[in-house]
Amino acid sequence: MLIGAPDTGKTTLATLLLSDAIGANRKIAFVDADIDTPSVGPPACVGLKWVRSHADMGNLATADELRFVGSTQPQGAILPHVVAATDLVEIARREADFIVLDTTGVVSGVVGQTLKYHLMELCNPALVIAMQRGGEMEPTIGMLRRFLAARVAKVVPDGVEPVGPMERADVRRAAFAQELSDPLPRWRIGHDVFAPTLPEGFDVSRLDGMLVGVQDKRGRCLGLGALQLAAGEIAVATRHGEHMHGLRLGSLRIDLETFTSTEVRLRELMFGV
């Protein structure tokens, strides 16, 4: 399990570990829980990639399994984030003997520490590698060691070029564009396909532009969709309509022209409070 603030080299280290494991003939899985700018799958999801060869390393973006979180930041989404990552780690353990779990760059404060605590608690990694430039990781490291007896190795990144927030936003927009660019089929949907379910008398116009996870009948996330209102009816724009069984509402509204996203509090959206 790799933890560290943004631009400390977690993803770079992950790819090095995966490449070395290929050379050692290990059965490898990469679980990417960086929901902001992931290497596996689209943003707002946790992705699993089976890494069987170096060719797979060149195609990490195509996930073998996805779980929808619905946000690009863990604030307000700790439960679905932890559930998604834990589920994919458990799936990975059925076949892999070497698993790399990458995590978000939110590492401090109540949100960062709570997220890392529960990921450690439920995923139970053999080793946590903490990337830190100074002492910023010490509170989280101390907590994991004290309460969960975590084995933690500290690494000081060398030669990692920082990526600014504007560049990170560009990467996120490009990833959303890859998943949601036209030509994108539109599918008319009923009001009974959502999780959470819509309150009685809900004004569906409030759903316009909302990001959704497209689920199959086994609860697997097939990919992303965006809700669109037309003539008073709601439709979902997605590539995954053929096997769609339900839609999970996220906490993001996305513009399908610019692929910029804005946070929405789901409780306020649903109940106006």
C-alpha atoms as a PDB file:
ATOM      1  CA  MET A   1       0.000   0.000   0.000  1.00  0.00           C
ATOM      2  CA  LEU A   2       1.515   3.309  -1.133  1.00  0.00           C
ATOM      3  CA  ILE A   3       0.689   6.503   0.746  1.00  0.00           C
ATOM      4  CA  GLY A   4       1.935  10.048   0.318  1.00  0.00           C
ATOM      5  CA  ALA A   5       0.976  13.577  -0.603  1.00  0.00           C
ATOM      6  CA  PRO A   6       0.574  14.596  -4.264  1.00  0.00           C
ATOM      7  CA  ASP A   7       3.743  14.618  -6.366  1.00  0.00           C
ATOM      8  CA  THR A   8       5.767  12.390  -4.078  1.00  0.00           C
ATOM      9  CA  GLY A   9       6.194   9.647  -6.669  1.00  0.00           C
ATOM     10  CA  LYS A  10       3.635   7.047  -5.556  1.00  0.00           C
ATOM     11  CA  THR A  11       2.579   6.177  -9.090  1.00  0.00           C
ATOM     12  CA  THR A  12       6.181   6.108 -10.319  1.00  0.00           C
ATOM     13  CA  LEU A  13       7.114   3.731  -7.516  1.00  0.00           C
ATOM     14  CA  ALA A  14       4.035   1.617  -8.259  1.00  0.00           C
ATOM     15  CA  THR A  15       5.091   1.128 -11.878  1.00  0.00           C
ATOM     16  CA  LEU A  16       8.636   0.215 -10.801  1.00  0.00           C
ATOM     17  CA  LEU A  17       7.314  -2.367  -8.338  1.00  0.00           C
ATOM     18  CA  LEU A  18       5.004  -3.834 -10.967  1.00  0.00           C
ATOM     19  CA  SER A  19       7.791  -4.039 -13.553  1.00  0.00           C
ATOM     20  CA  ASP A  20      10.110  -5.774 -11.096  1.00  0.00           C
ATOM     21  CA  ALA A  21       7.370  -8.241 -10.171  1.00  0.00           C
ATOM     22  CA  ILE A  22       6.858  -9.130 -13.847  1.00  0.00           C
ATOM     23  CA  GLY A  23      10.522 -10.052 -14.051  1.00  0.00           C
ATOM     24  CA  ALA A  24      10.119 -12.256 -10.971  1.00  0.00           C
ATOM     25  CA  ASN A  25       7.209 -14.164 -12.568  1.00  0.00           C
ATOM     26  CA  ARG A  26       4.739 -13.111  -9.893  1.00  0.00           C
ATOM     27  CA  LYS A  27       0.953 -13.106 -10.318  1.00  0.00           C
ATOM     28  CA  ILE A  28       0.350  -9.361 -10.164  1.00  0.00           C
ATOM     29  CA  ALA A  29      -2.560  -7.008  -9.601  1.00  0.00           C
ATOM     30  CA  PHE A  30      -2.580  -3.218  -9.443  1.00  0.00           C
ATOM     31  CA  VAL A  31      -5.412  -1.584  -7.496  1.00  0.00           C
ATOM     32  CA  ASP A  32      -5.489   2.147  -8.163  1.00  0.00           C
ATOM     33  CA  ALA A  33      -7.473   4.047  -5.519  1.00  0.00           C
ATOM     34  CA  ASP A  34      -6.315   7.500  -6.628  1.00  0.00           C
ATOM     35  CA  ILE A  35      -9.773   8.727  -7.589  1.00  0.00           C
ATOM     36  CA  ASP A  36      -8.543  12.153  -8.768  1.00  0.00           C
ATOM     37  CA  THR A  37      -5.977  11.347 -11.461  1.00  0.00           C
ATOM     38  CA  PRO A  38      -5.849   7.553 -11.644  1.00  0.00           C
ATOM     39  CA  SER A  39      -3.588   5.457 -13.832  1.00  0.00           C
ATOM     40  CA  VAL A  40      -6.250   2.718 -14.070  1.00  0.00           C
ATOM     41  CA  GLY A  41      -9.743   3.587 -15.275  1.00  0.00           C
ATOM     42  CA  PRO A  42     -11.517   6.959 -15.234  1.00  0.00           C
ATOM     43  CA  PRO A  43     -11.605   9.483 -12.367  1.00  0.00           C
ATOM     44  CA  ALA A  44     -14.128   8.990  -9.547  1.00  0.00           C
ATOM     45  CA  CYS A  45     -13.514   5.227  -9.654  1.00  0.00           C
ATOM     46  CA  VAL A  46     -11.166   2.684  -8.101  1.00  0.00           C
ATOM     47  CA  GLY A  47      -9.685   0.430 -10.774  1.00  0.00           C
ATOM     48  CA  LEU A  48      -8.117  -3.023 -10.862  1.00  0.00           C
ATOM     49  CA  LYS A  49      -5.616  -4.048 -13.540  1.00  0.00           C
ATOM     50  CA  TRP A  50      -4.207  -7.544 -13.941  1.00  0.00           C
ATOM     51  CA  VAL A  51      -0.541  -7.151 -14.899  1.00  0.00           C
ATOM     52  CA  ARG A  52       0.583 -10.273 -16.697  1.00  0.00           C
ATOM     53  CA  SER A  53       3.228  -8.801 -19.015  1.00  0.00           C
ATOM     54  CA  HIS A  54       5.062  -5.606 -19.882  1.00  0.00           C
ATOM     55  CA  ALA A  55       2.413  -5.029 -22.556  1.00  0.00           C
ATOM     56  CA  ASP A  56      -0.141  -4.596 -19.759  1.00  0.00           C
ATOM     57  CA  MET A  57       2.082  -1.905 -18.268  1.00  0.00           C
ATOM     58  CA  GLY A  58       1.590   0.101 -21.445  1.00  0.00           C
ATOM     59  CA  ASN A  59      -2.182  -0.213 -21.173  1.00  0.00           C
ATOM     60  CA  LEU A  60      -2.847   0.504 -17.497  1.00  0.00           C
ATOM     61  CA  ALA A  61      -5.651   2.945 -18.278  1.00  0.00           C
ATOM     62  CA  THR A  62      -7.946   0.110 -19.379  1.00  0.00           C
ATOM     63  CA  ALA A  63      -9.324  -1.360 -16.151  1.00  0.00           C
ATOM     64  CA  ASP A  64     -10.251  -5.008 -15.755  1.00  0.00           C
ATOM     65  CA  GLU A  65     -12.598  -4.155 -12.881  1.00  0.00           C
ATOM     66  CA  LEU A  66     -14.059  -0.844 -11.709  1.00  0.00           C
ATOM     67  CA  ARG A  67     -15.871   0.321  -8.608  1.00  0.00           C
ATOM     68  CA  PHE A  68     -17.640   3.681  -8.600  1.00  0.00           C
ATOM     69  CA  VAL A  69     -16.865   6.197  -5.844  1.00  0.00           C
ATOM     70  CA  GLY A  70     -18.561   9.195  -7.436  1.00  0.00           C
ATOM     71  CA  SER A  71     -16.094  11.878  -6.394  1.00  0.00           C
ATOM     72  CA  THR A  72     -12.544  12.898  -7.188  1.00  0.00           C
ATOM     73  CA  GLN A  73     -11.882  13.803  -3.552  1.00  0.00           C
ATOM     74  CA  PRO A  74     -12.412  11.592  -0.490  1.00  0.00           C
ATOM     75  CA  GLN A  75     -14.188  14.317   1.516  1.00  0.00           C
ATOM     76  CA  GLY A  76     -17.736  13.062   1.895  1.00  0.00           C
ATOM     77  CA  ALA A  77     -16.931   9.819   0.078  1.00  0.00           C
ATOM     78  CA  ILE A  78     -14.796   7.892   2.577  1.00  0.00           C
ATOM     79  CA  LEU A  79     -17.247   4.980   2.877  1.00  0.00           C
ATOM     80  CA  PRO A  80     -17.680   4.258  -0.863  1.00  0.00           C
ATOM     81  CA  HIS A  81     -13.961   4.855  -1.375  1.00  0.00           C
ATOM     82  CA  VAL A  82     -12.917   2.320   1.266  1.00  0.00           C
ATOM     83  CA  VAL A  83     -15.560  -0.200   0.154  1.00  0.00           C
ATOM     84  CA  ALA A  84     -14.437   0.092  -3.485  1.00  0.00           C
ATOM     85  CA  ALA A  85     -10.753  -0.363  -2.722  1.00  0.00           C
ATOM     86  CA  THR A  86     -11.351  -3.218  -0.282  1.00  0.00           C
ATOM     87  CA  ASP A  87     -13.597  -5.051  -2.742  1.00  0.00           C
ATOM     88  CA  LEU A  88     -11.009  -4.888  -5.522  1.00  0.00           C
ATOM     89  CA  VAL A  89      -8.168  -5.930  -3.224  1.00  0.00           C
ATOM     90  CA  GLU A  90     -10.220  -8.980  -2.213  1.00  0.00           C
ATOM     91  CA  ILE A  91     -10.831  -9.809  -5.878  1.00  0.00           C
ATOM     92  CA  ALA A  92      -7.103  -9.391  -6.573  1.00  0.00           C
ATOM     93  CA  ARG A  93      -6.201 -11.769  -3.737  1.00  0.00           C
ATOM     94  CA  ARG A  94      -8.115 -14.599  -5.416  1.00  0.00           C
ATOM     95  CA  GLU A  95      -5.498 -14.785  -8.188  1.00  0.00           C
ATOM     96  CA  ALA A  96      -2.533 -12.546  -7.390  1.00  0.00           C
ATOM     97  CA  ASP A  97       0.358 -13.154  -5.028  1.00  0.00           C
ATOM     98  CA  PHE A  98       1.674  -9.599  -5.422  1.00  0.00           C
ATOM     99  CA  ILE A  99      -0.688  -6.624  -5.172  1.00  0.00           C
ATOM    100  CA  VAL A 100       0.160  -2.930  -5.318  1.00  0.00           C
ATOM    101  CA  LEU A 101      -2.466  -0.579  -3.864  1.00  0.00           C
ATOM    102  CA  ASP A 102      -1.986   3.075  -4.804  1.00  0.00           C
ATOM    103  CA  THR A 103      -3.929   5.718  -2.855  1.00  0.00           C
ATOM    104  CA  THR A 104      -4.978   9.355  -3.048  1.00  0.00           C
ATOM    105  CA  GLY A 105      -2.736  12.264  -2.126  1.00  0.00           C
ATOM    106  CA  VAL A 106      -5.040  13.285   0.750  1.00  0.00           C
ATOM    107  CA  VAL A 107      -2.999  12.134   3.732  1.00  0.00           C
ATOM    108  CA  SER A 108      -3.436  14.648   6.555  1.00  0.00           C
ATOM    109  CA  GLY A 109      -6.210  15.926   8.775  1.00  0.00           C
ATOM    110  CA  VAL A 110      -9.317  14.006   9.784  1.00  0.00           C
ATOM    111  CA  VAL A 111     -10.241  12.968   6.223  1.00  0.00           C
ATOM    112  CA  GLY A 112      -6.782  11.817   5.149  1.00  0.00           C
ATOM    113  CA  GLN A 113      -6.028   9.921   8.333  1.00  0.00           C
ATOM    114  CA  THR A 114      -9.487   8.332   8.540  1.00  0.00           C
ATOM    115  CA  LEU A 115      -9.254   7.149   4.940  1.00  0.00           C
ATOM    116  CA  LYS A 116      -5.783   5.664   5.336  1.00  0.00           C
ATOM    117  CA  TYR A 117      -6.715   4.059   8.670  1.00  0.00           C
ATOM    118  CA  HIS A 118      -9.687   2.179   7.232  1.00  0.00           C
ATOM    119  CA  LEU A 119      -7.852   1.216   4.036  1.00  0.00           C
ATOM    120  CA  MET A 120      -5.069  -0.249   6.165  1.00  0.00           C
ATOM    121  CA  GLU A 121      -7.551  -1.893   8.532  1.00  0.00           C
ATOM    122  CA  LEU A 122      -9.607  -3.629   5.842  1.00  0.00           C
ATOM    123  CA  CYS A 123      -7.053  -4.253   3.070  1.00  0.00           C
ATOM    124  CA  ASN A 124      -4.417  -5.428   5.572  1.00  0.00           C
ATOM    125  CA  PRO A 125      -1.317  -4.915   3.399  1.00  0.00           C
ATOM    126  CA  ALA A 126       1.914  -6.686   4.279  1.00  0.00           C
ATOM    127  CA  LEU A 127       3.801  -3.405   3.845  1.00  0.00           C
ATOM    128  CA  VAL A 128       2.943   0.281   3.744  1.00  0.00           C
ATOM    129  CA  ILE A 129       5.379   2.496   1.848  1.00  0.00           C
ATOM    130  CA  ALA A 130       5.109   6.122   2.941  1.00  0.00           C
ATOM    131  CA  MET A 131       6.503   8.720   0.545  1.00  0.00           C
ATOM    132  CA  GLN A 132       7.416  11.932   2.347  1.00  0.00           C
ATOM    133  CA  ARG A 133       9.543  14.971   1.625  1.00  0.00           C
ATOM    134  CA  GLY A 134       9.804  16.131   5.240  1.00  0.00           C
ATOM    135  CA  GLY A 135       7.819  15.155   8.289  1.00  0.00           C
ATOM    136  CA  GLU A 136       4.357  15.550   6.787  1.00  0.00           C
ATOM    137  CA  MET A 137       3.579  11.832   6.978  1.00  0.00           C
ATOM    138  CA  GLU A 138       4.699  11.272  10.574  1.00  0.00           C
ATOM    139  CA  PRO A 139       1.238  11.690  12.212  1.00  0.00           C
ATOM    140  CA  THR A 140      -0.331   9.203   9.787  1.00  0.00           C
ATOM    141  CA  ILE A 141       2.592   6.778  10.074  1.00  0.00           C
ATOM    142  CA  GLY A 142       2.453   6.976  13.872  1.00  0.00           C
ATOM    143  CA  MET A 143      -1.289   6.296  13.871  1.00  0.00           C
ATOM    144  CA  LEU A 144      -0.989   3.272  11.560  1.00  0.00           C
ATOM    145  CA  ARG A 145       1.832   1.797  13.619  1.00  0.00           C
ATOM    146  CA  ARG A 146       0.145   2.465  16.959  1.00  0.00           C
ATOM    147  CA  PHE A 147      -3.334   1.182  16.246  1.00  0.00           C
ATOM    148  CA  LEU A 148      -2.850  -1.352  13.452  1.00  0.00           C
ATOM    149  CA  ALA A 149       0.718  -2.576  14.015  1.00  0.00           C
ATOM    150  CA  ALA A 150       1.494  -1.567  10.443  1.00  0.00           C
ATOM    151  CA  ARG A 151       4.876  -2.327   8.958  1.00  0.00           C
ATOM    152  CA  VAL A 152       5.798   1.009   7.385  1.00  0.00           C
ATOM    153  CA  ALA A 153       8.811   1.848   5.227  1.00  0.00           C
ATOM    154  CA  LYS A 154       9.552   5.539   4.702  1.00  0.00           C
ATOM    155  CA  VAL A 155      10.904   6.711   1.347  1.00  0.00           C
ATOM    156  CA  VAL A 156      12.152  10.189   0.511  1.00  0.00           C
ATOM    157  CA  PRO A 157      11.335  10.937  -3.144  1.00  0.00           C
ATOM    158  CA  ASP A 158      14.198  12.040  -5.345  1.00  0.00           C
ATOM    159  CA  GLY A 159      13.868  13.897  -8.634  1.00  0.00           C
ATOM    160  CA  VAL A 160      10.047  13.965  -8.680  1.00  0.00           C
ATOM    161  CA  GLU A 161       8.808  17.005 -10.596  1.00  0.00           C
ATOM    162  CA  PRO A 162       5.789  18.627  -8.884  1.00  0.00           C
ATOM    163  CA  VAL A 163       2.605  18.888 -10.932  1.00  0.00           C
ATOM    164  CA  GLY A 164       0.577  22.041 -10.312  1.00  0.00           C
ATOM    165  CA  PRO A 165      -3.175  22.078  -9.696  1.00  0.00           C
ATOM    166  CA  MET A 166      -3.851  23.385 -13.221  1.00  0.00           C
ATOM    167  CA  GLU A 167      -1.890  20.542 -14.802  1.00  0.00           C
ATOM    168  CA  ARG A 168      -3.641  18.041 -12.544  1.00  0.00           C
ATOM    169  CA  ALA A 169      -6.997  19.476 -13.614  1.00  0.00           C
ATOM    170  CA  ASP A 170      -5.960  19.092 -17.274  1.00  0.00           C
ATOM    171  CA  VAL A 171      -5.121  15.431 -16.683  1.00  0.00           C
ATOM    172  CA  ARG A 172      -8.489  14.896 -14.990  1.00  0.00           C
ATOM    173  CA  ARG A 173     -10.389  16.579 -17.829  1.00  0.00           C
ATOM    174  CA  ALA A 174      -8.549  14.487 -20.415  1.00  0.00           C
ATOM    175  CA  ALA A 175      -9.449  11.308 -18.535  1.00  0.00           C
ATOM    176  CA  PHE A 176     -13.115  12.299 -18.328  1.00  0.00           C
ATOM    177  CA  ALA A 177     -13.031  13.178 -22.046  1.00  0.00           C
ATOM    178  CA  GLN A 178     -11.659   9.745 -22.924  1.00  0.00           C
ATOM    179  CA  GLU A 179     -14.607   8.121 -21.150  1.00  0.00           C
ATOM    180  CA  LEU A 180     -17.378  10.562 -22.073  1.00  0.00           C
ATOM    181  CA  SER A 181     -16.531  12.108 -25.452  1.00  0.00           C
ATOM    182  CA  ASP A 182     -19.013  12.022 -28.341  1.00  0.00           C
ATOM    183  CA  PRO A 183     -20.209  10.090 -30.201  1.00  0.00           C
ATOM    184  CA  LEU A 184     -21.897   8.938 -27.005  1.00  0.00           C
ATOM    185  CA  PRO A 185     -25.215   7.050 -27.125  1.00  0.00           C
ATOM    186  CA  ARG A 186     -28.081   8.490 -25.079  1.00  0.00           C
ATOM    187  CA  TRP A 187     -30.376   6.069 -23.236  1.00  0.00           C
ATOM    188  CA  ARG A 188     -33.753   7.049 -21.811  1.00  0.00           C
ATOM    189  CA  ILE A 189     -34.125   5.879 -18.237  1.00  0.00           C
ATOM    190  CA  GLY A 190     -36.880   5.610 -15.654  1.00  0.00           C
ATOM    191  CA  HIS A 191     -36.888   7.153 -12.200  1.00  0.00           C
ATOM    192  CA  ASP A 192     -36.462   3.758 -10.527  1.00  0.00           C
ATOM    193  CA  VAL A 193     -32.940   2.941 -11.727  1.00  0.00           C
ATOM    194  CA  PHE A 194     -30.972   5.047  -9.245  1.00  0.00           C
ATOM    195  CA  ALA A 195     -29.042   4.310  -6.096  1.00  0.00           C
ATOM    196  CA  PRO A 196     -29.798   6.059  -3.842  1.00  0.00           C
ATOM    197  CA  THR A 197     -33.443   6.057  -4.914  1.00  0.00           C
ATOM    198  CA  LEU A 198     -35.074   9.368  -5.766  1.00  0.00           C
ATOM    199  CA  PRO A 199     -37.462  10.856  -3.195  1.00  0.00           C
ATOM    200  CA  GLU A 200     -41.142  10.952  -4.089  1.00  0.00           C
ATOM    201  CA  GLY A 201     -41.948  13.988  -6.220  1.00  0.00           C
ATOM    202  CA  PHE A 202     -38.267  14.653  -6.971  1.00  0.00           C
ATOM    203  CA  ASP A 203     -37.623  17.237  -9.696  1.00  0.00           C
ATOM    204  CA  VAL A 204     -35.488  15.309 -12.196  1.00  0.00           C
ATOM    205  CA  SER A 205     -34.250  18.538 -13.761  1.00  0.00           C
ATOM    206  CA  ARG A 206     -31.891  18.776 -10.773  1.00  0.00           C
ATOM    207  CA  LEU A 207     -30.067  15.724 -12.108  1.00  0.00           C
ATOM    208  CA  ASP A 208     -28.978  17.423 -15.323  1.00  0.00           C
ATOM    209  CA  GLY A 209     -25.229  16.999 -15.750  1.00  0.00           C
ATOM    210  CA  MET A 210     -24.754  14.625 -12.793  1.00  0.00           C
ATOM    211  CA  LEU A 211     -22.042  11.979 -13.061  1.00  0.00           C
ATOM    212  CA  VAL A 212     -23.221   8.402 -12.573  1.00  0.00           C
ATOM    213  CA  GLY A 213     -21.646   4.999 -12.327  1.00  0.00           C
ATOM    214  CA  VAL A 214     -23.209   2.562 -14.798  1.00  0.00           C
ATOM    215  CA  GLN A 215     -23.788  -0.747 -12.988  1.00  0.00           C
ATOM    216  CA  ASP A 216     -24.506  -4.218 -14.305  1.00  0.00           C
ATOM    217  CA  LYS A 217     -26.897  -6.637 -12.601  1.00  0.00           C
ATOM    218  CA  ARG A 218     -24.089  -8.010 -10.417  1.00  0.00           C
ATOM    219  CA  GLY A 219     -23.273  -4.585  -9.009  1.00  0.00           C
ATOM    220  CA  ARG A 220     -20.094  -4.161 -11.057  1.00  0.00           C
ATOM    221  CA  CYS A 221     -19.298  -0.725 -12.415  1.00  0.00           C
ATOM    222  CA  LEU A 222     -19.050  -0.827 -16.205  1.00  0.00           C
ATOM    223  CA  GLY A 223     -17.920   2.804 -16.538  1.00  0.00           C
ATOM    224  CA  LEU A 224     -19.219   6.345 -16.296  1.00  0.00           C
ATOM    225  CA  GLY A 225     -22.228   8.170 -17.640  1.00  0.00           C
ATOM    226  CA  ALA A 226     -23.649  11.685 -17.469  1.00  0.00           C
ATOM    227  CA  LEU A 227     -27.315  12.526 -16.986  1.00  0.00           C
ATOM    228  CA  GLN A 228     -28.965  14.885 -19.454  1.00  0.00           C
ATOM    229  CA  LEU A 229     -32.397  16.495 -19.404  1.00  0.00           C
ATOM    230  CA  ALA A 230     -34.331  16.776 -22.663  1.00  0.00           C
ATOM    231  CA  ALA A 231     -38.016  17.673 -23.039  1.00  0.00           C
ATOM    232  CA  GLY A 232     -38.597  17.081 -19.359  1.00  0.00           C
ATOM    233  CA  GLU A 233     -37.179  13.549 -19.501  1.00  0.00           C
ATOM    234  CA  ILE A 234     -33.890  12.305 -18.174  1.00  0.00           C
ATOM    235  CA  ALA A 235     -31.414  10.265 -20.228  1.00  0.00           C
ATOM    236  CA  VAL A 236     -27.918   8.957 -19.584  1.00  0.00           C
ATOM    237  CA  ALA A 237     -25.058   9.526 -22.002  1.00  0.00           C
ATOM    238  CA  THR A 238     -22.777   6.498 -21.777  1.00  0.00           C
ATOM    239  CA  ARG A 239     -20.894   3.881 -23.780  1.00  0.00           C
ATOM    240  CA  HIS A 240     -22.111   1.147 -21.457  1.00  0.00           C
ATOM    241  CA  GLY A 241     -25.865   1.141 -22.008  1.00  0.00           C
ATOM    242  CA  GLU A 242     -26.088  -2.345 -23.517  1.00  0.00           C
ATOM    243  CA  HIS A 243     -25.456  -4.029 -20.163  1.00  0.00           C
ATOM    244  CA  MET A 244     -26.750  -1.236 -17.899  1.00  0.00           C
ATOM    245  CA  HIS A 245     -28.900  -2.443 -15.013  1.00  0.00           C
ATOM    246  CA  GLY A 246     -28.813   0.580 -12.706  1.00  0.00           C
ATOM    247  CA  LEU A 247     -27.135   3.924 -12.065  1.00  0.00           C
ATOM    248  CA  ARG A 248     -25.282   5.080  -8.973  1.00  0.00           C
ATOM    249  CA  LEU A 249     -25.443   8.799  -8.371  1.00  0.00           C
ATOM    250  CA  GLY A 250     -22.121  10.486  -7.759  1.00  0.00           C
ATOM    251  CA  SER A 251     -21.395  13.826  -6.151  1.00  0.00           C
ATOM    252  CA  LEU A 252     -20.053  15.516  -9.286  1.00  0.00           C
ATOM    253  CA  ARG A 253     -21.688  17.527 -12.039  1.00  0.00           C
ATOM    254  CA  ILE A 254     -19.786  17.343 -15.319  1.00  0.00           C
ATOM    255  CA  ASP A 255     -19.841  19.545 -18.407  1.00  0.00           C
ATOM    256  CA  LEU A 256     -19.703  17.323 -21.498  1.00  0.00           C
ATOM    257  CA  GLU A 257     -18.269  20.141 -23.608  1.00  0.00           C
ATOM    258  CA  THR A 258     -15.337  21.137 -21.394  1.00  0.00           C
ATOM    259  CA  PHE A 259     -15.215  18.020 -19.152  1.00  0.00           C
ATOM    260  CA  THR A 260     -14.805  20.198 -16.097  1.00  0.00           C
ATOM    261  CA  SER A 261     -16.428  18.846 -12.952  1.00  0.00           C
ATOM    262  CA  THR A 262     -17.858  20.525  -9.871  1.00  0.00           C
ATOM    263  CA  GLU A 263     -18.598  18.976  -6.494  1.00  0.00           C
ATOM    264  CA  VAL A 264     -22.239  18.550  -5.476  1.00  0.00           C
ATOM    265  CA  ARG A 265     -23.419  17.516  -2.036  1.00  0.00           C
ATOM    266  CA  LEU A 266     -25.698  14.570  -2.754  1.00  0.00           C
ATOM    267  CA  ARG A 267     -27.860  15.208   0.299  1.00  0.00           C
ATOM    268  CA  GLU A 268     -28.502  18.782  -0.844  1.00  0.00           C
ATOM    269  CA  LEU A 269     -29.275  17.561  -4.357  1.00  0.00           C
ATOM    270  CA  MET A 270     -31.767  14.970  -3.141  1.00  0.00           C
ATOM    271  CA  PHE A 271     -33.439  16.737  -0.244  1.00  0.00           C
ATOM    272  CA  GLY A 272     -32.460  20.405  -0.538  1.00  0.00           C
ATOM    273  CA  VAL A 273     -30.736  20.340   2.882  1.00  0.00           C
END
